Amino acid sequence: MKYAIVESGGKQYRAVEGGTLEVDRLPVEAGENFKLEQTLLLADGESITVGTPLVKDSPVWTKVVEHFKGEKVTIFNYSPKKRIRVKTGHRQNYTRLLVEQIGGSELVKREPAKPVEKMVKAEAETDAVQVKAEKPAKAAPKAAPGASKEKKTAARVPAKTEKASAAKTKAAPAKTAAKKPAKPAAKPAAKKPAAKKPAEKK
C-alpha cells in the first residue's frame, strides 16, 4: 500500500491514492488540480523514506472536489462578578481534495477501470433470462369439476351464519300481536230541562 504524510496549512495529513483529504480552504476553484509539495514521509509497501525535512521529487497530486464549512463552534467568555458575558460562534472553511497520484514529476491521466464484478453479474443475469425464456411454463393441473362446485358452495355459506340462524329460531318465541281493547262508545249528552218562564201578572 502506497501512502504519504503531507503538510498543508501547518497541519499534517495522511494521503492515500483514491482517498480524500479535508484541508483548510485553498485559493483554488473546484475542479482544478492542486499539487501538495511538502511531503514529509513516503511509504511504498515495505520501503519507507523519511524526509530531512522533506522528501524530494515526490509531490502529491490532488483535485479540488468542493469547498464547504465545518461544524459550528460556540465560544463563550465571561467574568464572574463583573457582568461580562460574550458569546460568539465560528465555522471553519475547508476544502475537500481527491488524491489522484503520489509522486511523479507530472500527473498521469488514467482511464477509470471497469469493475469486473459488475460485468460478471450482468452476464449471469442475461444467461438466466435466456434459460427462463427457453423453458416453457408448466400448465397447472385441472381440478375435478365436482370438487370445485363443493368448494364454492362451502365458501358461499359460512358455518357462522348457519349457527346464528339456528340459535335465533330456538331462542326467539313466536311473537303474537297484542290486540288493544276497543274504546267504549261515547254516551249521548243529557238534555237539560228548559227553564220555566215566570208567569205574567195580570
C-alpha atoms as a PDB file:
ATOM      1  CA  MET A   1       0.000   0.000   0.000  1.00  0.00           C
ATOM      2  CA  LYS A   2       1.336   3.379  -1.018  1.00  0.00           C
ATOM      3  CA  TYR A   3       0.703   6.442   1.126  1.00  0.00           C
ATOM      4  CA  ALA A   4       2.339   9.728   2.082  1.00  0.00           C
ATOM      5  CA  ILE A   5       2.321  12.175   5.000  1.00  0.00           C
ATOM      6  CA  VAL A   6       1.730  15.693   3.629  1.00  0.00           C
ATOM      7  CA  GLU A   7       1.735  19.094   5.272  1.00  0.00           C
ATOM      8  CA  SER A   8      -0.822  21.772   4.363  1.00  0.00           C
ATOM      9  CA  GLY A   9      -1.640  24.893   6.347  1.00  0.00           C
ATOM     10  CA  GLY A  10       0.650  23.875   9.212  1.00  0.00           C
ATOM     11  CA  LYS A  11      -1.175  20.517   9.643  1.00  0.00           C
ATOM     12  CA  GLN A  12      -0.203  17.007   8.612  1.00  0.00           C
ATOM     13  CA  TYR A  13      -2.438  14.624   6.671  1.00  0.00           C
ATOM     14  CA  ARG A  14      -2.212  11.012   5.518  1.00  0.00           C
ATOM     15  CA  ALA A  15      -2.776  10.840   1.752  1.00  0.00           C
ATOM     16  CA  VAL A  16      -3.742   7.587   0.002  1.00  0.00           C
ATOM     17  CA  GLU A  17      -4.372   7.247  -3.740  1.00  0.00           C
ATOM     18  CA  GLY A  18      -8.113   7.322  -4.385  1.00  0.00           C
ATOM     19  CA  GLY A  19      -8.853   8.791  -0.939  1.00  0.00           C
ATOM     20  CA  THR A  20      -9.860  12.303   0.098  1.00  0.00           C
ATOM     21  CA  LEU A  21      -8.376  14.983   2.336  1.00  0.00           C
ATOM     22  CA  GLU A  22     -10.110  17.773   4.220  1.00  0.00           C
ATOM     23  CA  VAL A  23      -7.684  20.675   4.499  1.00  0.00           C
ATOM     24  CA  ASP A  24      -8.077  24.352   5.324  1.00  0.00           C
ATOM     25  CA  ARG A  25      -9.606  26.326   2.474  1.00  0.00           C
ATOM     26  CA  LEU A  26      -7.296  26.794  -0.507  1.00  0.00           C
ATOM     27  CA  PRO A  27      -7.483  29.620  -3.087  1.00  0.00           C
ATOM     28  CA  VAL A  28      -8.323  27.173  -5.887  1.00  0.00           C
ATOM     29  CA  GLU A  29     -11.612  26.711  -7.713  1.00  0.00           C
ATOM     30  CA  ALA A  30     -13.477  23.421  -7.665  1.00  0.00           C
ATOM     31  CA  GLY A  31     -12.494  21.026 -10.448  1.00  0.00           C
ATOM     32  CA  GLU A  32      -8.884  22.231 -10.765  1.00  0.00           C
ATOM     33  CA  ASN A  33      -5.747  20.245  -9.923  1.00  0.00           C
ATOM     34  CA  PHE A  34      -3.559  21.157  -6.946  1.00  0.00           C
ATOM     35  CA  LYS A  35      -0.073  19.886  -6.046  1.00  0.00           C
ATOM     36  CA  LEU A  36       0.986  19.371  -2.427  1.00  0.00           C
ATOM     37  CA  GLU A  37       4.771  19.636  -2.456  1.00  0.00           C
ATOM     38  CA  GLN A  38       5.591  19.364   1.251  1.00  0.00           C
ATOM     39  CA  THR A  39       5.844  15.576   1.613  1.00  0.00           C
ATOM     40  CA  LEU A  40       7.301  14.538   4.978  1.00  0.00           C
ATOM     41  CA  LEU A  41       7.159  10.746   4.564  1.00  0.00           C
ATOM     42  CA  LEU A  42       6.628   8.359   1.673  1.00  0.00           C
ATOM     43  CA  ALA A  43       5.759   4.669   2.117  1.00  0.00           C
ATOM     44  CA  ASP A  44       5.572   2.198  -0.759  1.00  0.00           C
ATOM     45  CA  GLY A  45       4.995  -1.283   0.581  1.00  0.00           C
ATOM     46  CA  GLU A  46       7.875  -2.167   2.900  1.00  0.00           C
ATOM     47  CA  SER A  47      10.165   0.677   1.743  1.00  0.00           C
ATOM     48  CA  ILE A  48       9.727   3.858   3.809  1.00  0.00           C
ATOM     49  CA  THR A  49      11.583   7.106   3.122  1.00  0.00           C
ATOM     50  CA  VAL A  50      11.620   9.870   5.707  1.00  0.00           C
ATOM     51  CA  GLY A  51      12.327  13.431   4.577  1.00  0.00           C
ATOM     52  CA  THR A  52      15.068  15.658   6.022  1.00  0.00           C
ATOM     53  CA  PRO A  53      12.843  17.638   6.423  1.00  0.00           C
ATOM     54  CA  LEU A  54      11.093  16.946   3.064  1.00  0.00           C
ATOM     55  CA  VAL A  55      11.163  14.103   0.544  1.00  0.00           C
ATOM     56  CA  LYS A  56      12.441  15.450  -2.770  1.00  0.00           C
ATOM     57  CA  ASP A  57      10.641  14.940  -6.090  1.00  0.00           C
ATOM     58  CA  SER A  58       7.604  13.240  -4.559  1.00  0.00           C
ATOM     59  CA  PRO A  59       4.643  15.653  -4.577  1.00  0.00           C
ATOM     60  CA  VAL A  60       1.053  14.572  -4.060  1.00  0.00           C
ATOM     61  CA  TRP A  61      -1.248  15.380  -6.976  1.00  0.00           C
ATOM     62  CA  THR A  62      -4.817  16.172  -5.965  1.00  0.00           C
ATOM     63  CA  LYS A  63      -8.035  17.521  -7.440  1.00  0.00           C
ATOM     64  CA  VAL A  64     -10.320  20.032  -5.709  1.00  0.00           C
ATOM     65  CA  VAL A  65     -13.734  18.439  -5.175  1.00  0.00           C
ATOM     66  CA  GLU A  66     -15.580  21.155  -3.232  1.00  0.00           C
ATOM     67  CA  HIS A  67     -15.387  23.900  -0.632  1.00  0.00           C
ATOM     68  CA  PHE A  68     -17.510  23.507   2.483  1.00  0.00           C
ATOM     69  CA  LYS A  69     -17.922  24.683   6.067  1.00  0.00           C
ATOM     70  CA  GLY A  70     -17.300  22.622   9.188  1.00  0.00           C
ATOM     71  CA  GLU A  71     -19.465  22.294  12.260  1.00  0.00           C
ATOM     72  CA  LYS A  72     -20.307  25.376  14.283  1.00  0.00           C
ATOM     73  CA  VAL A  73     -18.184  26.081  17.366  1.00  0.00           C
ATOM     74  CA  THR A  74     -19.509  28.329  20.124  1.00  0.00           C
ATOM     75  CA  ILE A  75     -17.137  30.456  22.195  1.00  0.00           C
ATOM     76  CA  PHE A  76     -18.456  31.830  25.480  1.00  0.00           C
ATOM     77  CA  ASN A  77     -16.316  34.169  27.584  1.00  0.00           C
ATOM     78  CA  TYR A  78     -17.465  35.544  30.911  1.00  0.00           C
ATOM     79  CA  SER A  79     -16.067  37.113  34.042  1.00  0.00           C
ATOM     80  CA  PRO A  80     -17.837  36.344  37.290  1.00  0.00           C
ATOM     81  CA  LYS A  81     -18.957  39.254  39.483  1.00  0.00           C
ATOM     82  CA  LYS A  82     -18.336  41.724  36.646  1.00  0.00           C
ATOM     83  CA  ARG A  83     -21.392  41.191  34.405  1.00  0.00           C
ATOM     84  CA  ILE A  84     -19.237  40.309  31.377  1.00  0.00           C
ATOM     85  CA  ARG A  85     -20.845  37.741  29.049  1.00  0.00           C
ATOM     86  CA  VAL A  86     -19.630  37.379  25.438  1.00  0.00           C
ATOM     87  CA  LYS A  87     -20.947  34.580  23.184  1.00  0.00           C
ATOM     88  CA  THR A  88     -19.669  34.107  19.635  1.00  0.00           C
ATOM     89  CA  GLY A  89     -19.784  31.353  17.010  1.00  0.00           C
ATOM     90  CA  HIS A  90     -17.414  30.195  14.292  1.00  0.00           C
ATOM     91  CA  ARG A  91     -17.496  27.840  11.301  1.00  0.00           C
ATOM     92  CA  GLN A  92     -14.191  26.970   9.664  1.00  0.00           C
ATOM     93  CA  ASN A  93     -13.937  26.834   5.862  1.00  0.00           C
ATOM     94  CA  TYR A  94     -12.473  23.645   4.412  1.00  0.00           C
ATOM     95  CA  THR A  95     -11.503  22.253   1.004  1.00  0.00           C
ATOM     96  CA  ARG A  96     -12.032  18.596   0.083  1.00  0.00           C
ATOM     97  CA  LEU A  97      -9.236  17.166  -2.105  1.00  0.00           C
ATOM     98  CA  LEU A  98      -9.204  13.922  -4.060  1.00  0.00           C
ATOM     99  CA  VAL A  99      -5.773  12.241  -4.104  1.00  0.00           C
ATOM    100  CA  GLU A 100      -5.084  11.158  -7.697  1.00  0.00           C
ATOM    101  CA  GLN A 101      -1.364  10.332  -7.656  1.00  0.00           C
ATOM    102  CA  ILE A 102       1.538  10.149  -5.224  1.00  0.00           C
ATOM    103  CA  GLY A 103       4.967  11.035  -6.621  1.00  0.00           C
ATOM    104  CA  GLY A 104       6.000  11.706 -10.205  1.00  0.00           C
ATOM    105  CA  SER A 105       7.038  14.854 -11.997  1.00  0.00           C
ATOM    106  CA  GLU A 106       3.739  15.065 -13.906  1.00  0.00           C
ATOM    107  CA  LEU A 107       0.184  13.919 -13.344  1.00  0.00           C
ATOM    108  CA  VAL A 108      -0.579  10.797 -15.384  1.00  0.00           C
ATOM    109  CA  LYS A 109      -4.179  10.639 -16.568  1.00  0.00           C
ATOM    110  CA  ARG A 110      -5.653   7.196 -16.067  1.00  0.00           C
ATOM    111  CA  GLU A 111      -8.872   5.835 -17.504  1.00  0.00           C
ATOM    112  CA  PRO A 112     -11.303   4.584 -14.898  1.00  0.00           C
ATOM    113  CA  ALA A 113     -11.085   0.791 -14.724  1.00  0.00           C
ATOM    114  CA  LYS A 114     -14.327  -1.032 -15.375  1.00  0.00           C
ATOM    115  CA  PRO A 115     -15.422  -3.043 -12.346  1.00  0.00           C
ATOM    116  CA  VAL A 116     -15.103  -6.768 -13.099  1.00  0.00           C
ATOM    117  CA  GLU A 117     -17.738  -7.831 -10.568  1.00  0.00           C
ATOM    118  CA  LYS A 118     -20.490  -5.770 -12.207  1.00  0.00           C
ATOM    119  CA  MET A 119     -19.686  -7.221 -15.650  1.00  0.00           C
ATOM    120  CA  VAL A 120     -19.798 -10.792 -14.295  1.00  0.00           C
ATOM    121  CA  LYS A 121     -23.166 -10.133 -12.596  1.00  0.00           C
ATOM    122  CA  ALA A 122     -24.623  -8.650 -15.790  1.00  0.00           C
ATOM    123  CA  GLU A 123     -23.538 -11.677 -17.833  1.00  0.00           C
ATOM    124  CA  ALA A 124     -25.033 -14.083 -15.265  1.00  0.00           C
ATOM    125  CA  GLU A 125     -28.351 -12.196 -15.335  1.00  0.00           C
ATOM    126  CA  THR A 126     -28.548 -12.334 -19.139  1.00  0.00           C
ATOM    127  CA  ASP A 127     -27.843 -16.094 -19.110  1.00  0.00           C
ATOM    128  CA  ALA A 128     -30.590 -16.661 -16.521  1.00  0.00           C
ATOM    129  CA  VAL A 129     -33.101 -14.679 -18.599  1.00  0.00           C
ATOM    130  CA  GLN A 130     -32.293 -16.739 -21.699  1.00  0.00           C
ATOM    131  CA  VAL A 131     -32.735 -20.027 -19.803  1.00  0.00           C
ATOM    132  CA  LYS A 132     -36.129 -18.907 -18.492  1.00  0.00           C
ATOM    133  CA  ALA A 133     -37.256 -17.919 -21.992  1.00  0.00           C
ATOM    134  CA  GLU A 134     -36.281 -21.325 -23.417  1.00  0.00           C
ATOM    135  CA  LYS A 135     -38.133 -23.397 -20.776  1.00  0.00           C
ATOM    136  CA  PRO A 136     -41.945 -23.457 -21.366  1.00  0.00           C
ATOM    137  CA  ALA A 137     -44.119 -22.768 -18.369  1.00  0.00           C
ATOM    138  CA  LYS A 138     -45.802 -25.873 -16.896  1.00  0.00           C
ATOM    139  CA  ALA A 139     -49.608 -25.876 -17.073  1.00  0.00           C
ATOM    140  CA  ALA A 140     -51.381 -26.153 -13.720  1.00  0.00           C
ATOM    141  CA  PRO A 141     -53.272 -29.485 -13.202  1.00  0.00           C
ATOM    142  CA  LYS A 142     -57.008 -29.233 -13.725  1.00  0.00           C
ATOM    143  CA  ALA A 143     -59.165 -29.989 -10.687  1.00  0.00           C
ATOM    144  CA  ALA A 144     -62.217 -32.301 -10.862  1.00  0.00           C
ATOM    145  CA  PRO A 145     -65.473 -30.461 -11.668  1.00  0.00           C
ATOM    146  CA  GLY A 146     -67.341 -31.906  -8.656  1.00  0.00           C
ATOM    147  CA  ALA A 147     -64.721 -30.817  -6.156  1.00  0.00           C
ATOM    148  CA  SER A 148     -64.763 -27.240  -7.387  1.00  0.00           C
ATOM    149  CA  LYS A 149     -68.549 -26.997  -7.016  1.00  0.00           C
ATOM    150  CA  GLU A 150     -68.406 -28.329  -3.442  1.00  0.00           C
ATOM    151  CA  LYS A 151     -65.713 -25.800  -2.529  1.00  0.00           C
ATOM    152  CA  LYS A 152     -67.732 -22.923  -3.998  1.00  0.00           C
ATOM    153  CA  THR A 153     -70.898 -23.839  -2.089  1.00  0.00           C
ATOM    154  CA  ALA A 154     -68.962 -24.210   1.147  1.00  0.00           C
ATOM    155  CA  ALA A 155     -67.405 -20.805   0.610  1.00  0.00           C
ATOM    156  CA  ARG A 156     -70.740 -19.144  -0.090  1.00  0.00           C
ATOM    157  CA  VAL A 157     -72.485 -20.427   3.078  1.00  0.00           C
ATOM    158  CA  PRO A 158     -70.183 -19.918   6.061  1.00  0.00           C
ATOM    159  CA  ALA A 159     -70.687 -22.008   9.186  1.00  0.00           C
ATOM    160  CA  LYS A 160     -71.229 -18.961  11.395  1.00  0.00           C
ATOM    161  CA  THR A 161     -74.415 -17.908   9.592  1.00  0.00           C
ATOM    162  CA  GLU A 162     -75.934 -21.386   9.957  1.00  0.00           C
ATOM    163  CA  LYS A 163     -75.271 -21.486  13.718  1.00  0.00           C
ATOM    164  CA  ALA A 164     -76.643 -17.977  14.192  1.00  0.00           C
ATOM    165  CA  SER A 165     -79.876 -18.757  12.345  1.00  0.00           C
ATOM    166  CA  ALA A 166     -80.424 -21.967  14.377  1.00  0.00           C
ATOM    167  CA  ALA A 167     -79.882 -20.146  17.669  1.00  0.00           C
ATOM    168  CA  LYS A 168     -82.372 -17.427  16.702  1.00  0.00           C
ATOM    169  CA  THR A 169     -85.118 -19.953  15.903  1.00  0.00           C
ATOM    170  CA  LYS A 170     -84.686 -21.696  19.300  1.00  0.00           C
ATOM    171  CA  ALA A 171     -84.353 -18.623  21.470  1.00  0.00           C
ATOM    172  CA  ALA A 172     -86.910 -16.254  19.931  1.00  0.00           C
ATOM    173  CA  PRO A 173     -90.588 -17.369  20.611  1.00  0.00           C
ATOM    174  CA  ALA A 174     -93.305 -16.556  18.154  1.00  0.00           C
ATOM    175  CA  LYS A 175     -94.473 -13.021  18.630  1.00  0.00           C
ATOM    176  CA  THR A 176     -98.214 -12.522  18.892  1.00  0.00           C
ATOM    177  CA  ALA A 177     -99.659  -9.182  18.197  1.00  0.00           C
ATOM    178  CA  ALA A 178    -101.469  -7.985  21.352  1.00  0.00           C
ATOM    179  CA  LYS A 179    -104.886  -6.634  20.471  1.00  0.00           C
ATOM    180  CA  LYS A 180    -105.781  -3.360  22.121  1.00  0.00           C
ATOM    181  CA  PRO A 181    -109.227  -3.232  23.843  1.00  0.00           C
ATOM    182  CA  ALA A 182    -111.826  -1.306  21.911  1.00  0.00           C
ATOM    183  CA  LYS A 183    -112.704   2.082  23.285  1.00  0.00           C
ATOM    184  CA  PRO A 184    -116.269   2.356  24.765  1.00  0.00           C
ATOM    185  CA  ALA A 185    -118.733   4.331  22.712  1.00  0.00           C
ATOM    186  CA  ALA A 186    -119.268   7.872  23.861  1.00  0.00           C
ATOM    187  CA  LYS A 187    -122.504   8.374  25.869  1.00  0.00           C
ATOM    188  CA  PRO A 188    -125.088  10.798  24.414  1.00  0.00           C
ATOM    189  CA  ALA A 189    -125.116  14.130  26.202  1.00  0.00           C
ATOM    190  CA  ALA A 190    -128.041  14.526  28.675  1.00  0.00           C
ATOM    191  CA  LYS A 191    -130.532  17.174  27.675  1.00  0.00           C
ATOM    192  CA  LYS A 192    -131.003  19.954  30.227  1.00  0.00           C
ATOM    193  CA  PRO A 193    -134.637  20.831  31.160  1.00  0.00           C
ATOM    194  CA  ALA A 194    -135.840  24.046  29.663  1.00  0.00           C
ATOM    195  CA  ALA A 195    -136.020  26.931  32.083  1.00  0.00           C
ATOM    196  CA  LYS A 196    -139.603  27.924  33.031  1.00  0.00           C
ATOM    197  CA  LYS A 197    -140.655  31.412  32.217  1.00  0.00           C
ATOM    198  CA  PRO A 198    -142.204  33.398  35.099  1.00  0.00           C
ATOM    199  CA  ALA A 199    -145.931  33.899  34.806  1.00  0.00           C
ATOM    200  CA  GLU A 200    -147.019  37.327  33.707  1.00  0.00           C
ATOM    201  CA  LYS A 201    -149.043  39.376  36.245  1.00  0.00           C
ATOM    202  CA  LYS A 202    -152.491  40.500  35.198  1.00  0.00           C
END
